[in-house]
Amino acid sequence: MTQTYMDMPDGAVTPGGSVIIHGNDRLGACRARQTRAETRGQVQAYLAPILGDCETVLHEVASDPVHVDVLVFAPQSPGGDWTFVTAGMGDLRMTLPDTRDPVRDARCEMALRLPDPWGRQVRSMNASGSEEQDPIFWPISALKWLARFPHAAGTYLGEGHTIPMGAPLAEDIAMDCVLLHAPAWRLNPTTPLIRPDGDHIKFLTFTPLYPEEMAFKQEHGAHALFDAFDDADLGATLDTHRPSTIRKTRLFQTISGG
């Protein structure tokens, strides 16, 4: 029987060079810590020239292990995308392997773009905790979950990492994994967000994956999947009803070497 990524243990390396990290309930085992107000202010000030002023903040009620608020940036043109960015994930350093630079790679915030009116509906929700049960709110729940995950699991998140979520992300979609990568609105690498202590804060977003896309990445690596995204002209806005970028013909050609 063929082994799938869901059968592989945490830390296993796939033929494509991917390290398996499973999403699970380990998040509850860590102690809460509040985000400092200056952290949120730094993120807002840094993103303002790119995304405009922060319109509102979805404040978190319960925090574990970090307090993760979500900054909301309105579209810069009528009918444009809404941008949601965490503030608080970077309050703690992630646990890095020895091969990574702790100054440049240990702190991160997550970002996501939603189309209008989806983004407008999420922006209007009351941050009472009950919004987590609303079916349209799941992207923000996933954003916050990813922000907590590396601190709770004792690991780190980086470009090209894939996180199996263990179940479809929502009832009406078939995607059950996410691929992490830099946002399409890539920031100027010569002017990174630098905290007063000298640490950099990088930004990542996620693209939900179909099972066949995850299997393709597992076998052939992130670069091959990014090439498939480019071939399909995949946009920067979350689209859970897009067609899969991995066609049977691509799988056959890749496996056969044709």
Protein backbone atom coordinates (compact mmCIF):
# COMPACT_ATOMS: atom_id res chain seq x y z
CA MET A 1 0.00 0.00 0.00
CA THR A 2 1.35 3.44 -0.95
CA GLN A 3 2.20 5.64 2.00
CA THR A 4 0.64 9.12 1.95
CA TYR A 5 1.84 12.23 3.76
CA MET A 6 -0.86 11.70 6.42
CA ASP A 7 0.72 8.35 7.31
CA MET A 8 4.20 9.82 7.74
CA PRO A 9 5.43 10.97 11.18
CA ASP A 10 6.42 14.53 12.01
CA GLY A 11 9.95 15.22 10.81
CA ALA A 12 9.87 12.62 8.01
CA VAL A 13 11.35 13.77 4.70
CA THR A 14 9.46 13.05 1.48
CA PRO A 15 11.14 12.12 -1.84
CA GLY A 16 10.68 15.75 -2.93
CA GLY A 17 12.61 17.00 0.10
CA SER A 18 9.63 18.20 2.15
CA VAL A 19 9.62 17.85 5.92
CA ILE A 20 6.30 16.59 7.29
CA ILE A 21 4.63 18.65 10.05
CA HIS A 22 1.10 17.64 11.02
CA GLY A 23 -1.50 20.00 12.43
CA ASN A 24 -2.90 18.64 15.70
CA ASP A 25 -4.00 19.57 19.18
CA ARG A 26 -0.57 20.23 20.66
CA LEU A 27 -1.44 23.94 20.62
CA GLY A 28 -3.27 23.67 23.91
CA ALA A 29 -0.17 22.65 25.84
CA CYS A 30 1.54 26.04 25.88
CA ARG A 31 1.27 28.98 28.24
CA ALA A 32 -0.40 32.19 27.05
CA ARG A 33 1.55 35.37 26.46
CA GLN A 34 0.12 38.76 25.52
CA THR A 35 1.24 40.67 22.45
CA ARG A 36 2.82 44.02 23.28
CA ALA A 37 1.01 47.04 21.86
CA GLU A 38 4.22 48.24 20.25
CA THR A 39 4.45 45.02 18.22
CA ARG A 40 1.08 45.71 16.61
CA GLY A 41 2.05 49.33 16.03
CA GLN A 42 5.29 48.35 14.31
CA VAL A 43 3.50 45.98 11.94
CA GLN A 44 0.84 48.57 11.13
CA ALA A 45 3.40 51.31 10.46
CA TYR A 46 5.51 49.02 8.28
CA LEU A 47 2.59 47.88 6.13
CA ALA A 48 0.89 51.28 5.77
CA PRO A 49 2.93 52.40 2.70
CA ILE A 50 2.03 49.13 0.95
CA LEU A 51 -1.52 48.38 2.10
CA GLY A 52 -2.71 51.73 3.41
CA ASP A 53 -3.85 52.46 6.94
CA CYS A 54 -5.20 49.62 9.05
CA GLU A 55 -8.99 50.00 9.07
CA THR A 56 -9.72 47.90 12.13
CA VAL A 57 -8.32 45.14 14.33
CA LEU A 58 -9.94 41.78 15.04
CA HIS A 59 -8.88 41.50 18.67
CA GLU A 60 -8.35 38.06 20.13
CA VAL A 61 -10.29 37.05 23.22
CA ALA A 62 -8.35 33.95 24.36
CA SER A 63 -4.59 33.61 23.84
CA ASP A 64 -2.49 30.45 23.81
CA PRO A 65 0.51 30.45 23.47
CA VAL A 66 0.72 33.95 21.90
CA HIS A 67 -1.87 36.71 21.65
CA VAL A 68 -2.69 37.02 17.95
CA ASP A 69 -4.72 39.99 16.78
CA VAL A 70 -5.58 40.35 13.10
CA LEU A 71 -5.07 43.68 11.33
CA VAL A 72 -7.60 44.45 8.60
CA PHE A 73 -6.62 46.50 5.55
CA ALA A 74 -9.42 47.66 3.24
CA PRO A 75 -9.16 47.46 -0.58
CA GLN A 76 -7.18 50.25 -2.17
CA SER A 77 -9.65 50.37 -5.06
CA PRO A 78 -13.41 49.68 -5.26
CA GLY A 79 -14.12 45.95 -5.26
CA GLY A 80 -10.50 45.09 -4.50
CA ASP A 81 -9.11 42.55 -2.05
CA TRP A 82 -9.19 42.78 1.73
CA THR A 83 -5.88 41.99 3.43
CA PHE A 84 -5.64 40.37 6.87
CA VAL A 85 -2.32 40.29 8.73
CA THR A 86 -1.56 38.79 12.14
CA ALA A 87 0.10 40.82 14.87
CA GLY A 88 1.55 38.80 17.70
CA MET A 89 3.06 35.71 16.11
CA GLY A 90 6.39 37.57 15.86
CA ASP A 91 6.32 38.46 19.55
CA LEU A 92 8.16 35.19 20.19
CA ARG A 93 11.02 33.62 18.29
CA MET A 94 10.30 30.34 16.52
CA THR A 95 12.51 27.31 17.17
CA LEU A 96 14.98 27.11 14.29
CA PRO A 97 17.39 24.42 13.10
CA ASP A 98 21.08 25.30 13.28
CA THR A 99 21.14 26.03 9.55
CA ARG A 100 18.81 29.04 9.86
CA ASP A 101 19.70 32.60 10.89
CA PRO A 102 17.94 33.41 14.19
CA VAL A 103 18.01 37.15 13.47
CA ARG A 104 16.41 36.91 10.01
CA ASP A 105 14.31 33.74 10.22
CA ALA A 106 13.02 33.34 13.78
CA ARG A 107 10.09 35.79 13.72
CA CYS A 108 7.13 35.84 11.37
CA GLU A 109 3.60 37.13 10.82
CA MET A 110 0.94 35.54 8.62
CA ALA A 111 -1.08 37.36 5.93
CA LEU A 112 -4.01 36.57 3.68
CA ARG A 113 -6.07 38.26 0.98
CA LEU A 114 -9.82 37.70 0.63
CA PRO A 115 -11.98 38.94 -2.24
CA ASP A 116 -14.84 41.36 -1.75
CA PRO A 117 -17.50 40.80 -0.38
CA TRP A 118 -16.04 37.86 1.56
CA GLY A 119 -13.41 40.08 3.15
CA ARG A 120 -15.97 42.76 4.00
CA GLN A 121 -18.19 40.19 5.73
CA VAL A 122 -15.29 38.88 7.81
CA ARG A 123 -14.21 42.41 8.69
CA SER A 124 -17.68 43.14 10.07
CA MET A 125 -17.81 40.17 12.41
CA ASN A 126 -17.95 40.69 16.13
CA ALA A 127 -14.78 39.42 17.80
CA SER A 128 -16.65 37.68 20.60
CA GLY A 129 -15.34 34.19 19.94
CA SER A 130 -18.58 33.00 18.34
CA GLU A 131 -17.36 34.10 14.91
CA GLU A 132 -14.99 31.11 14.92
CA GLN A 133 -18.02 28.90 14.24
CA ASP A 134 -19.19 30.87 11.21
CA PRO A 135 -18.36 29.00 7.98
CA ILE A 136 -17.07 32.14 6.25
CA PHE A 137 -14.57 32.86 9.04
CA TRP A 138 -12.39 29.77 8.57
CA PRO A 139 -9.55 31.55 6.67
CA ILE A 140 -8.97 33.84 9.65
CA SER A 141 -9.13 30.88 12.04
CA ALA A 142 -6.52 29.12 9.89
CA LEU A 143 -4.38 32.27 9.82
CA LYS A 144 -4.39 32.47 13.63
CA TRP A 145 -3.85 28.72 14.00
CA LEU A 146 -0.76 28.91 11.80
CA ALA A 147 0.50 31.88 13.82
CA ARG A 148 0.40 29.78 17.00
CA PHE A 149 1.55 26.49 15.53
CA PRO A 150 5.36 26.91 15.47
CA HIS A 151 5.46 28.19 19.06
CA ALA A 152 3.31 25.33 20.32
CA ALA A 153 5.04 22.63 18.28
CA GLY A 154 8.61 23.80 18.87
CA THR A 155 9.32 24.28 15.18
CA TYR A 156 9.35 27.05 12.57
CA LEU A 157 7.50 28.05 9.41
CA GLY A 158 9.18 29.05 6.16
CA GLU A 159 8.61 29.41 2.44
CA GLY A 160 7.74 26.13 0.75
CA HIS A 161 6.54 24.42 3.93
CA THR A 162 3.29 22.48 3.67
CA ILE A 163 1.05 21.85 6.65
CA PRO A 164 -1.47 18.97 6.48
CA MET A 165 -4.49 20.13 8.47
CA GLY A 166 -5.92 16.64 8.97
CA ALA A 167 -9.32 17.44 7.43
CA PRO A 168 -10.83 19.65 4.71
CA LEU A 169 -10.50 23.32 5.62
CA ALA A 170 -14.25 23.85 5.28
CA GLU A 171 -17.31 21.74 4.52
CA ASP A 172 -17.71 22.89 0.93
CA ILE A 173 -14.09 22.54 -0.25
CA ALA A 174 -11.83 19.57 -0.92
CA MET A 175 -8.54 21.16 0.18
CA ASP A 176 -6.93 19.73 3.31
CA CYS A 177 -3.40 21.20 3.34
CA VAL A 178 -1.79 24.61 3.05
CA LEU A 179 1.40 25.70 1.29
CA LEU A 180 3.33 28.60 2.83
CA HIS A 181 5.02 31.22 0.68
CA ALA A 182 5.82 34.92 0.51
CA PRO A 183 2.85 37.20 -0.22
CA ALA A 184 2.36 38.37 -3.82
CA TRP A 185 2.80 41.91 -2.49
CA ARG A 186 6.38 40.96 -1.67
CA LEU A 187 8.00 43.58 0.50
CA ASN A 188 11.25 45.31 -0.35
CA PRO A 189 13.96 42.94 0.94
CA THR A 190 16.33 45.90 1.41
CA THR A 191 13.98 47.43 3.99
CA PRO A 192 12.74 44.56 6.20
CA LEU A 193 10.67 45.06 9.31
CA ILE A 194 13.23 45.16 12.11
CA ARG A 195 12.32 45.12 15.79
CA PRO A 196 14.15 47.28 18.35
CA ASP A 197 16.12 44.17 19.40
CA GLY A 198 17.42 43.78 15.83
CA ASP A 199 15.36 40.73 14.87
CA HIS A 200 13.64 40.75 11.47
CA ILE A 201 9.95 39.92 11.07
CA LYS A 202 9.11 38.21 7.79
CA PHE A 203 5.64 37.75 6.30
CA LEU A 204 4.14 34.54 4.95
CA THR A 205 0.80 33.68 3.40
CA PHE A 206 -0.80 30.35 2.58
CA THR A 207 -2.44 28.69 -0.40
CA PRO A 208 -4.81 25.77 0.30
CA LEU A 209 -3.90 22.61 -1.61
CA TYR A 210 -5.90 19.78 -3.11
CA PRO A 211 -4.73 16.29 -2.07
CA GLU A 212 -3.17 15.70 -5.51
CA GLU A 213 -1.22 18.98 -5.24
CA MET A 214 0.11 17.96 -1.85
CA ALA A 215 1.05 14.53 -3.21
CA PHE A 216 2.84 16.19 -6.15
CA LYS A 217 4.78 18.50 -3.84
CA GLN A 218 5.62 15.58 -1.57
CA GLU A 219 7.08 13.67 -4.49
CA HIS A 220 8.73 16.45 -6.51
CA GLY A 221 9.31 19.36 -4.14
CA ALA A 222 7.98 22.88 -3.67
CA HIS A 223 9.67 24.36 -6.74
CA ALA A 224 7.84 21.95 -9.04
CA LEU A 225 4.52 22.88 -7.44
CA PHE A 226 5.30 26.60 -7.72
CA ASP A 227 5.97 25.99 -11.43
CA ALA A 228 2.52 24.43 -11.69
CA PHE A 229 1.05 27.50 -9.97
CA ASP A 230 2.81 29.74 -12.49
CA ASP A 231 1.56 27.67 -15.42
CA ALA A 232 -1.99 27.98 -14.09
CA ASP A 233 -1.56 31.73 -13.45
CA LEU A 234 -2.73 31.29 -9.88
CA GLY A 235 -3.80 34.59 -8.33
CA ALA A 236 -2.85 36.09 -4.98
CA THR A 237 -6.40 36.10 -3.61
CA LEU A 238 -7.77 33.08 -1.75
CA ASP A 239 -9.86 30.99 -4.15
CA THR A 240 -11.11 27.72 -2.69
CA HIS A 241 -13.05 26.77 -5.82
CA ARG A 242 -10.19 27.04 -8.29
CA PRO A 243 -9.33 24.01 -10.40
CA SER A 244 -6.40 21.88 -9.34
CA THR A 245 -3.07 22.92 -10.87
CA ILE A 246 -2.04 19.25 -11.14
CA ARG A 247 -3.61 17.52 -14.10
CA LYS A 248 -3.32 13.80 -14.74
CA THR A 249 -1.25 14.57 -17.82
CA ARG A 250 1.28 16.51 -15.72
CA LEU A 251 1.51 13.68 -13.22
CA PHE A 252 2.01 11.12 -15.97
CA GLN A 253 4.65 13.24 -17.73
CA THR A 254 6.54 13.92 -14.51
CA ILE A 255 6.50 10.31 -13.34
CA SER A 256 7.41 8.92 -16.76
CA GLY A 257 10.02 11.61 -17.42
CA GLY A 258 8.24 12.65 -20.62
